[in-house]
Amino acid sequence: MPAAARPSAALDTAAWDAAHAELVELLRDLIRIPTVNPPDPAGPELDAARYLASVLEGEGLAPEVFEPVAGRGSVSVTLRGDGTGGEPLLLLSHLDVVPANAADGWTHGPFDADVADGYVWGRGAVDMKNMVALETTVVRVLARRARQAGVDPRRDPIPGLRRDVVFTCTADEEAGGIHGVAWLAAHRPETLRAAGALNEAGGVSVEFAGRRFYPIGVAEKGFEVFRITVHGTWGHGSMPRDDNALVLAAEAVRRLASPGEPRVTSPIGEFLDGVAAALPAEPAALVRAIGGDDVRRSEAAIRALCDPVSARAIRALIRDSISPDVLHAGVKYNVIPGQAVLDVDYRTLPGTTPEDALEEVLARLGDLAARCTIEHVIGRSPVENERGELYRLLADTIRAHDPDGVPVPVMVPFATDAKTTALELGVPTYGFTPMRLAPGEPFLARFHGVDERIGLDALRWGLPVLYDVVAAYCG
């Protein structure tokens, strides 16, 4: 995609400046709506969905708001193409955010949406109201251009579009999507069905060994949640005993938390190969060592190459991981607990089944397994998407906007709404929130963190990139 051929080139600098300003104000408005999940009280997700609907209605569109449970709102709108280009492109995002407390040390209030030091600050600035704002602004630009051409975007095909663009923004992603994407898939699947989808977690630049890479999300790990009840013996705290359920649970935590054996899957193998191919010989050799058979050399390479956040991410991506996260035991300081309950988050690579995960939990517990009752709470399989036409367009568009940048496929360690779109509806769903970050920007650390924020320049760069993908794929 040469620069002159980019669809975004049809708009001048002033138009993109105005669109960027609208994007930033939209993002700030969304951050100010505290769509915390779990909601207390219920309502802000619906407020945000209605706000987005009003913005889209202002562009002459006819969005629909869904409220399957009181206060939990999702919104969807379709821009029509002429029908000659195939099935739609889905722009997918979510409205809800995790909790945030200003007392935890935020520099700016988590729901104040301040603009300072070149950033928009607040909960959701990274996860993922930035993408909501990017997608909404692309839709607004397309609708506005249609109106300028004398077309009614509410009912008429948008000039230049051969396939539909479906924008769907969901509730409840941070709690599994039951009242959001899953409800839509069951009751209004037309809001999600598409030839391909763009979602969170990818297309964001990272600097490494002097090169700039853009990992594009093509896969994500699965998860299996287990609740382990450890059975001991009740007794008096003045006479300690070996079968104290809390002590047994502590040993279970120690065994479960030990890192497992590495296993490099196809998406991470492609990622490591792509990074290594773009680097000089010495760092390239270290990158390749990460995916090698020598576990000690792999770990040494991770320590040599990666900052702490990136190191945690790559370790999670080359193995099944187990994180013991919740432990309940005891009723009083002088009563030895006879029972402890441990919740475990098991993240699975492609190829690991739920049965494999349970077998590994039992193996790690060893002799403690005889004292445990294990309940499978919830689980979803890993996602892996093809590297087809849409993926190639994402990579080509990145190169067109940053000739020095290197797009590479990657897997993410967490779950998104792609669990529903890809696994249940068969829609290839890619992580692509295009942003060029300043070198050293700790983007991964911003997710769910204190002082979550996103750079104004990153948003400015990403807006025409996303527009070009949408216009080229659907045009």
Foldseek 3Di string as FASTA:
>chain_A
DAPVPFPVVVDDPVVLVVLLVQLLVLLLVLLLQQQAPVDDVAASLQVNQVVLQVVVVVLLAHKDWDPPDPRWIKIKTKQFAPQQQDWEEEEEAARYFHDDDVVVPFPDPQSNQDQPPQWGWHTCQVRHSSSVSLVSSLVSVQSNVQVVVVHRRHPDHGPLFNYMYMYMYWGDFVPPQVRTLVVCVVPPVSSQDGQAYEYADWQEWADFQRFIETAKEQKAWKKWKKKKKFFFDKDWQVDDDPRLRVNLVVLLQVLQQDQDDFAADDQVVQVLVLVLVLHDDPLSVLSVQLRDPDPVSNLVSLVVTHDPVVSVFSSLNGGWGKHWDDKDFDDDPGMRTRMMMIMMMIIHDPPQDPVNVVVVSCVSSDPSVVRIDMDTDDIFHMGGHDCDDLVVLLQVLSCNLPVRYGYTYHYGHDDGSCSCSCVPVVHRYMHHQNFYDDHPPPSSCLRVHRGNIDGSNRSSSRSSSVSSSNSVSRD
